[in-house]
Amino acid sequence: MATQMRPPPPPGGDESMGPALLGVIWAQVALDIVVVALRFFVRHKKRSLGADDWLMLIAMFLFIATVAVETVIVSYGLGRHMYYIPPQNGIPFLKWIFILQSFTFFTLAFAKTSIALFIMRLMGPDRYWRKRFLLLNIAIFFIFTILTTIFDLVACRPLKANWDHTTPNAKCWPLKVNANWAIFISSYSAFLDVLLALLPISMMWNLKLDVKKKVAICILLGLGILSGIAAAVKTSMSNRLGSRADFTWEAWGLYAWSTTEYFLNIFCGSVPVLKPIYDYFVKGKPIKESPTTGGMLPWSGISWSDRMRRSGVSRLFSTQRSSRSGSKVSGNESQSQTSLRRTTSDDHRFGHIQEYKLSNV
């Protein structure tokens, strides 16, 4: 009876890319912590904290959890050749990968939602359909993220069979099903990154700004294209990875690009908010509350005063104050002319809010 021969050891011996991977991903975590902390500092100084800031904070905590789990996976052999990994590491290795897959896409979902709300802060009131299109795509991505977690949880019965392939009477979906779904949602994530980068740039052309300032703002708001590139590279690598025999060695690059995508979503989504810090150190411009962002509604980026003006409440109160002051101008004609002048002035001011926000990102 012929004995089964063990394959020869891979060239290079028992080398590991794990330490290099950990150095990169934890450095990315440190940068994101600094950027998000500065983001909250700026928004606090300007008194304009909103939902986009809190969602980015949630994304950052999920990113830290993602990198922590990846650190555990590295300890079980990620970045090493399978030839040298002890057999007892196999089950915990796959178990921690399963745990990571169950929540990691929520990092992207919260980060992209934060970026979308930030872009909506910059939009004027006439951008109704752009806002709806943006919210629709974010809602679709959130639904896809939830479905990803559900698919991971129901792919095998019992649940233990996801990481222990020796589980008796286990029933699992074909591996290709979840793999194809992961490639699809990664591709959609790359599309969203490009959309979130190009949409604010398309808002620039009608603004009365000099060319240099337009280009600078376009670059600042278009940084998200970098995360789209990372997502595309990750998708390409995951598509080729299934045919590789030495998974633990080959997969370290996939995890590096995945983590880079998360890092860039948080980093590029927060850098535009930090422009007041640049203005402070370079131009000596103090960071103070903006008249167009004070009292910001947390979900919309529209101040309370602008919201009241658009609903007519402020004009109602102003009319009542005018009538109580005992004006000598005749009643109805005076109120009509005063309201018309105030409306014209308010609309003129509100028409410049988008230009002000984009030039003072």
Protein backbone atom coordinates (compact mmCIF):
# COMPACT_ATOMS: atom_id res chain seq x y z
CA MET A 1 0.00 0.00 0.00
CA ALA A 2 1.48 3.34 -1.08
CA THR A 3 1.97 5.92 1.67
CA GLN A 4 0.82 9.50 1.11
CA MET A 5 3.80 11.78 0.63
CA ARG A 6 3.86 15.13 2.41
CA PRO A 7 4.48 18.02 -0.01
CA PRO A 8 7.93 19.60 0.14
CA PRO A 9 8.33 22.73 2.30
CA PRO A 10 7.79 26.03 0.52
CA PRO A 11 10.87 27.97 -0.56
CA GLY A 12 12.05 30.54 1.96
CA GLY A 13 11.35 28.42 5.03
CA ASP A 14 9.02 29.39 7.88
CA GLU A 15 8.78 33.09 7.06
CA SER A 16 5.89 35.26 8.23
CA MET A 17 4.30 38.47 6.97
CA GLY A 18 2.26 38.75 10.17
CA PRO A 19 4.47 41.28 12.00
CA ALA A 20 4.59 43.57 8.95
CA LEU A 21 0.81 43.31 8.56
CA LEU A 22 0.24 44.18 12.22
CA GLY A 23 2.59 47.16 11.99
CA VAL A 24 0.67 48.57 9.02
CA ILE A 25 -2.87 48.05 10.30
CA TRP A 26 -2.20 49.37 13.82
CA ALA A 27 -0.49 52.43 12.34
CA GLN A 28 -3.67 52.99 10.32
CA VAL A 29 -5.75 52.71 13.50
CA ALA A 30 -3.55 55.31 15.21
CA LEU A 31 -3.93 57.75 12.29
CA ASP A 32 -7.70 57.33 12.24
CA ILE A 33 -7.95 57.92 16.00
CA VAL A 34 -6.01 61.18 15.63
CA VAL A 35 -8.07 62.35 12.65
CA VAL A 36 -11.44 61.55 14.24
CA ALA A 37 -10.36 63.22 17.50
CA LEU A 38 -9.40 66.36 15.56
CA ARG A 39 -12.70 66.16 13.70
CA PHE A 40 -14.61 66.32 16.98
CA PHE A 41 -12.38 69.15 18.20
CA VAL A 42 -13.18 71.24 15.11
CA ARG A 43 -16.89 70.50 15.21
CA HIS A 44 -17.03 71.30 18.94
CA LYS A 45 -15.27 74.62 18.40
CA LYS A 46 -17.63 75.47 15.54
CA ARG A 47 -20.63 74.17 17.51
CA SER A 48 -21.72 72.04 14.58
CA LEU A 49 -21.59 68.44 15.83
CA GLY A 50 -23.95 66.35 13.79
CA ALA A 51 -25.01 62.79 13.01
CA ASP A 52 -22.17 62.42 10.50
CA ASP A 53 -19.63 62.90 13.30
CA TRP A 54 -21.19 60.32 15.61
CA LEU A 55 -21.53 57.77 12.80
CA MET A 56 -17.86 58.22 11.96
CA LEU A 57 -17.02 57.64 15.63
CA ILE A 58 -18.97 54.35 15.53
CA ALA A 59 -17.10 53.39 12.35
CA MET A 60 -13.80 54.09 14.10
CA PHE A 61 -14.67 51.85 17.06
CA LEU A 62 -15.70 49.07 14.65
CA PHE A 63 -12.41 49.57 12.82
CA ILE A 64 -10.48 49.14 16.08
CA ALA A 65 -12.47 45.93 16.76
CA THR A 66 -11.71 44.71 13.23
CA VAL A 67 -7.97 45.21 13.65
CA ALA A 68 -8.06 43.59 17.10
CA VAL A 69 -9.67 40.45 15.64
CA GLU A 70 -7.18 40.46 12.76
CA THR A 71 -4.40 40.52 15.34
CA VAL A 72 -5.81 37.33 16.87
CA ILE A 73 -6.02 35.73 13.42
CA VAL A 74 -2.37 36.58 12.80
CA SER A 75 -1.47 34.83 16.06
CA TYR A 76 -3.05 31.64 14.67
CA GLY A 77 -1.08 31.73 11.44
CA LEU A 78 -2.22 34.42 9.01
CA GLY A 79 0.83 35.47 7.02
CA ARG A 80 2.62 32.12 7.45
CA HIS A 81 2.79 29.13 5.11
CA MET A 82 0.22 26.45 5.98
CA TYR A 83 3.01 23.88 5.91
CA TYR A 84 4.40 25.25 9.20
CA ILE A 85 1.14 25.99 11.04
CA PRO A 86 0.22 23.45 13.79
CA PRO A 87 -2.96 21.48 12.95
CA GLN A 88 -4.59 22.53 16.24
CA ASN A 89 -4.58 26.16 15.02
CA GLY A 90 -6.96 25.37 12.17
CA ILE A 91 -10.29 25.51 14.04
CA PRO A 92 -9.63 28.73 16.04
CA PHE A 93 -8.17 30.31 12.90
CA LEU A 94 -11.39 29.71 10.95
CA LYS A 95 -13.57 30.63 13.95
CA TRP A 96 -12.01 34.10 14.29
CA ILE A 97 -12.33 34.65 10.55
CA PHE A 98 -16.03 33.84 10.88
CA ILE A 99 -16.38 36.33 13.78
CA LEU A 100 -14.62 39.01 11.73
CA GLN A 101 -16.83 38.48 8.69
CA SER A 102 -19.99 38.82 10.80
CA PHE A 103 -19.45 42.52 11.59
CA THR A 104 -16.56 43.98 9.58
CA PHE A 105 -18.69 45.36 6.74
CA PHE A 106 -20.56 47.54 9.23
CA THR A 107 -17.37 49.59 9.51
CA LEU A 108 -17.81 50.57 5.87
CA ALA A 109 -21.56 51.06 6.22
CA PHE A 110 -21.26 53.58 9.06
CA ALA A 111 -18.30 55.37 7.48
CA LYS A 112 -20.03 55.76 4.11
CA THR A 113 -23.24 56.95 5.78
CA SER A 114 -21.22 59.57 7.66
CA ILE A 115 -19.62 60.76 4.42
CA ALA A 116 -23.01 60.94 2.72
CA LEU A 117 -24.47 63.08 5.53
CA PHE A 118 -21.43 65.34 5.39
CA ILE A 119 -21.97 65.86 1.65
CA MET A 120 -25.63 66.64 2.34
CA ARG A 121 -24.47 69.38 4.72
CA LEU A 122 -22.79 71.03 1.76
CA MET A 123 -25.76 70.75 -0.57
CA GLY A 124 -28.15 73.62 -1.09
CA PRO A 125 -31.94 73.29 -0.75
CA ASP A 126 -32.28 72.80 -4.52
CA ARG A 127 -30.39 69.47 -4.49
CA TYR A 128 -33.46 67.37 -3.65
CA TRP A 129 -32.92 64.55 -6.12
CA ARG A 130 -29.19 64.31 -5.45
CA LYS A 131 -29.90 63.92 -1.75
CA ARG A 132 -32.50 61.24 -2.40
CA PHE A 133 -30.17 59.38 -4.76
CA LEU A 134 -27.42 59.51 -2.16
CA LEU A 135 -29.65 58.27 0.66
CA LEU A 136 -31.04 55.49 -1.55
CA ASN A 137 -27.58 54.09 -2.30
CA ILE A 138 -26.53 54.31 1.35
CA ALA A 139 -29.73 52.50 2.40
CA ILE A 140 -29.07 49.78 -0.18
CA PHE A 141 -25.52 49.31 1.10
CA PHE A 142 -26.76 49.06 4.69
CA ILE A 143 -29.29 46.40 3.63
CA PHE A 144 -26.56 44.49 1.82
CA THR A 145 -24.38 44.68 4.94
CA ILE A 146 -27.14 43.22 7.11
CA LEU A 147 -27.75 40.48 4.53
CA THR A 148 -24.03 39.65 4.60
CA THR A 149 -24.20 38.98 8.34
CA ILE A 150 -27.39 36.93 7.94
CA PHE A 151 -25.87 34.86 5.13
CA ASP A 152 -22.81 34.12 7.29
CA LEU A 153 -25.01 33.01 10.20
CA VAL A 154 -27.27 30.69 8.18
CA ALA A 155 -24.71 29.30 5.72
CA CYS A 156 -24.07 26.23 7.89
CA ARG A 157 -26.19 24.19 10.26
CA PRO A 158 -25.15 23.73 12.98
CA LEU A 159 -23.36 27.07 13.29
CA LYS A 160 -20.19 25.35 14.51
CA ALA A 161 -19.70 23.81 11.09
CA ASN A 162 -18.57 27.20 9.78
CA TRP A 163 -15.20 26.71 11.48
CA ASP A 164 -15.17 23.00 12.41
CA HIS A 165 -15.42 20.98 9.22
CA THR A 166 -15.47 17.71 11.18
CA THR A 167 -18.90 18.49 12.67
CA PRO A 168 -21.16 15.46 12.04
CA ASN A 169 -24.36 15.85 9.97
CA ALA A 170 -23.44 19.40 9.01
CA LYS A 171 -25.18 21.04 6.06
CA CYS A 172 -23.55 24.06 4.43
CA TRP A 173 -24.09 26.21 1.38
CA PRO A 174 -21.55 25.81 -1.40
CA LEU A 175 -18.53 27.99 -0.61
CA LYS A 176 -18.95 29.73 -3.94
CA VAL A 177 -22.26 31.31 -2.83
CA ASN A 178 -20.80 33.38 -0.01
CA ALA A 179 -17.64 34.07 -2.02
CA ASN A 180 -19.61 35.50 -4.94
CA TRP A 181 -21.75 37.59 -2.58
CA ALA A 182 -18.61 39.00 -0.93
CA ILE A 183 -17.22 39.96 -4.34
CA PHE A 184 -20.52 41.62 -5.27
CA ILE A 185 -20.80 43.74 -2.12
CA SER A 186 -17.11 44.69 -2.37
CA SER A 187 -17.70 45.87 -5.93
CA TYR A 188 -20.71 47.90 -4.82
CA SER A 189 -18.60 49.38 -2.03
CA ALA A 190 -16.04 50.52 -4.61
CA PHE A 191 -18.84 52.10 -6.68
CA LEU A 192 -20.10 53.99 -3.62
CA ASP A 193 -16.61 55.30 -2.88
CA VAL A 194 -16.38 56.73 -6.40
CA LEU A 195 -19.91 58.19 -6.13
CA LEU A 196 -19.19 59.85 -2.78
CA ALA A 197 -15.97 61.31 -4.21
CA LEU A 198 -17.40 62.66 -7.47
CA LEU A 199 -20.79 63.93 -6.27
CA PRO A 200 -19.47 66.90 -4.24
CA ILE A 201 -17.08 67.78 -7.07
CA SER A 202 -20.05 68.11 -9.44
CA MET A 203 -21.47 70.77 -7.09
CA MET A 204 -18.47 73.06 -7.58
CA TRP A 205 -18.94 74.38 -11.10
CA ASN A 206 -21.58 77.03 -10.41
CA LEU A 207 -19.86 78.50 -7.38
CA LYS A 208 -18.24 81.93 -7.57
CA LEU A 209 -14.78 80.82 -6.48
CA ASP A 210 -11.40 81.25 -8.13
CA VAL A 211 -9.99 78.27 -10.02
CA LYS A 212 -7.25 77.51 -7.47
CA LYS A 213 -9.74 77.32 -4.62
CA LYS A 214 -12.08 75.15 -6.70
CA VAL A 215 -9.27 72.72 -7.50
CA ALA A 216 -8.19 72.59 -3.83
CA ILE A 217 -11.72 71.86 -2.63
CA CYS A 218 -12.22 69.23 -5.36
CA ILE A 219 -9.06 67.45 -4.25
CA LEU A 220 -10.10 67.67 -0.61
CA LEU A 221 -13.59 66.30 -1.22
CA GLY A 222 -12.42 63.74 -3.79
CA LEU A 223 -9.97 61.92 -1.51
CA GLY A 224 -12.53 59.12 -1.19
CA ILE A 225 -11.50 57.89 -4.62
CA LEU A 226 -8.49 56.33 -2.85
CA SER A 227 -10.74 54.03 -0.83
CA GLY A 228 -12.48 53.08 -4.07
CA ILE A 229 -9.12 52.00 -5.50
CA ALA A 230 -8.39 49.95 -2.37
CA ALA A 231 -11.82 48.30 -2.63
CA ALA A 232 -11.20 47.43 -6.28
CA VAL A 233 -7.81 45.86 -5.47
CA LYS A 234 -9.35 43.90 -2.58
CA THR A 235 -12.15 42.62 -4.83
CA SER A 236 -9.65 41.51 -7.46
CA MET A 237 -7.54 39.67 -4.88
CA SER A 238 -10.53 37.92 -3.27
CA ASN A 239 -11.65 36.73 -6.71
CA ARG A 240 -8.30 35.01 -7.27
CA LEU A 241 -7.75 33.72 -3.73
CA GLY A 242 -10.12 30.75 -3.86
CA SER A 243 -7.80 28.75 -6.13
CA ARG A 244 -4.73 29.15 -3.90
CA ALA A 245 -3.66 26.14 -1.83
CA ASP A 246 -1.50 28.09 0.64
CA PHE A 247 -4.39 30.21 1.96
CA THR A 248 -2.83 31.51 5.18
CA TRP A 249 0.18 32.84 3.25
CA GLU A 250 -1.71 34.24 0.28
CA ALA A 251 -4.52 35.85 2.33
CA TRP A 252 -2.38 38.35 4.22
CA GLY A 253 -2.41 40.70 1.20
CA LEU A 254 -6.21 40.52 1.06
CA TYR A 255 -6.47 41.46 4.74
CA ALA A 256 -3.99 44.28 4.25
CA TRP A 257 -6.05 45.81 1.44
CA SER A 258 -9.34 45.25 3.29
CA THR A 259 -8.02 47.09 6.33
CA THR A 260 -6.64 49.84 4.11
CA GLU A 261 -10.12 50.30 2.61
CA TYR A 262 -11.61 50.75 6.09
CA PHE A 263 -8.81 53.11 7.07
CA LEU A 264 -9.24 55.29 3.96
CA ASN A 265 -13.02 55.54 4.37
CA ILE A 266 -12.58 56.97 7.87
CA PHE A 267 -9.48 59.03 7.09
CA CYS A 268 -10.64 60.54 3.78
CA GLY A 269 -14.14 61.07 5.17
CA SER A 270 -12.76 63.14 8.06
CA VAL A 271 -9.90 65.13 6.50
CA PRO A 272 -12.19 67.70 4.77
CA VAL A 273 -13.65 68.61 8.17
CA LEU A 274 -10.16 69.57 9.38
CA LYS A 275 -9.72 72.48 6.96
CA PRO A 276 -10.27 75.06 9.78
CA ILE A 277 -7.15 73.66 11.50
CA TYR A 278 -5.15 74.29 8.30
CA ASP A 279 -6.60 77.81 8.09
CA TYR A 280 -5.64 78.43 11.72
CA PHE A 281 -1.97 77.44 11.36
CA VAL A 282 -1.37 78.70 7.80
CA LYS A 283 -3.63 81.75 7.55
CA GLY A 284 -4.02 82.64 11.22
CA LYS A 285 -7.80 82.31 10.93
CA PRO A 286 -9.35 81.43 14.31
CA ILE A 287 -11.63 78.43 14.65
CA LYS A 288 -14.95 79.82 15.73
CA GLU A 289 -18.64 79.19 15.32
CA SER A 290 -19.82 79.84 11.81
CA PRO A 291 -22.99 81.91 11.37
CA THR A 292 -24.27 79.35 8.87
CA THR A 293 -23.54 76.29 10.98
CA GLY A 294 -24.41 77.43 14.49
CA GLY A 295 -27.26 75.47 16.03
CA MET A 296 -26.92 72.81 13.32
CA LEU A 297 -29.68 70.27 13.01
CA PRO A 298 -27.83 66.97 13.58
CA TRP A 299 -29.35 65.13 10.61
CA SER A 300 -29.47 67.76 7.89
CA GLY A 301 -26.73 70.36 8.28
CA ILE A 302 -29.31 73.20 8.24
CA SER A 303 -29.31 75.64 11.12
CA TRP A 304 -32.39 76.19 13.24
CA SER A 305 -32.68 79.78 12.04
CA ASP A 306 -32.64 78.72 8.37
CA ARG A 307 -35.14 75.94 9.07
CA MET A 308 -37.47 78.43 10.78
CA ARG A 309 -37.07 80.96 8.00
CA ARG A 310 -37.93 78.41 5.33
CA SER A 311 -41.04 77.33 7.26
CA GLY A 312 -42.20 80.92 7.73
CA VAL A 313 -42.02 80.82 11.54
CA SER A 314 -39.42 83.57 11.85
CA ARG A 315 -41.41 85.87 9.58
CA LEU A 316 -44.50 85.26 11.73
CA PHE A 317 -42.66 86.21 14.92
CA SER A 318 -41.03 89.19 13.22
CA THR A 319 -44.44 90.43 12.04
CA GLN A 320 -45.84 90.12 15.56
CA ARG A 321 -42.89 92.08 17.01
CA SER A 322 -43.36 94.74 14.33
CA SER A 323 -47.05 95.17 15.15
CA ARG A 324 -46.34 95.46 18.89
CA SER A 325 -43.73 98.18 18.37
CA GLY A 326 -46.40 100.64 17.24
CA SER A 327 -45.10 101.36 13.75
CA LYS A 328 -46.61 104.47 12.10
CA VAL A 329 -46.78 102.80 8.69
CA SER A 330 -50.26 101.55 7.76
CA GLY A 331 -50.98 97.98 8.89
CA ASN A 332 -51.30 95.56 6.00
CA GLU A 333 -49.08 97.52 3.58
CA SER A 334 -46.31 97.90 6.19
CA GLN A 335 -46.34 94.21 7.10
CA SER A 336 -46.34 93.16 3.44
CA GLN A 337 -43.41 95.37 2.50
CA THR A 338 -41.42 94.43 5.61
CA SER A 339 -42.02 90.72 4.98
CA LEU A 340 -41.01 91.10 1.33
CA ARG A 341 -37.75 92.87 2.21
CA ARG A 342 -36.95 90.29 4.88
CA THR A 343 -37.76 87.37 2.58
CA THR A 344 -35.58 88.79 -0.19
CA SER A 345 -32.71 89.35 2.23
CA ASP A 346 -33.05 85.88 3.77
CA ASP A 347 -33.27 84.14 0.38
CA HIS A 348 -30.21 86.03 -0.83
CA ARG A 349 -28.31 84.94 2.28
CA PHE A 350 -29.54 81.35 2.04
CA GLY A 351 -28.54 81.22 -1.62
CA HIS A 352 -24.92 81.76 -0.57
CA ILE A 353 -24.88 79.13 2.18
CA GLN A 354 -23.78 76.35 -0.15
CA GLU A 355 -20.96 78.50 -1.55
CA TYR A 356 -19.87 79.44 1.97
CA LYS A 357 -19.91 75.84 3.20
CA LEU A 358 -17.90 74.53 0.26
CA SER A 359 -15.31 77.29 0.54
CA ASN A 360 -15.07 76.74 4.32
CA VAL A 361 -15.28 72.94 4.39
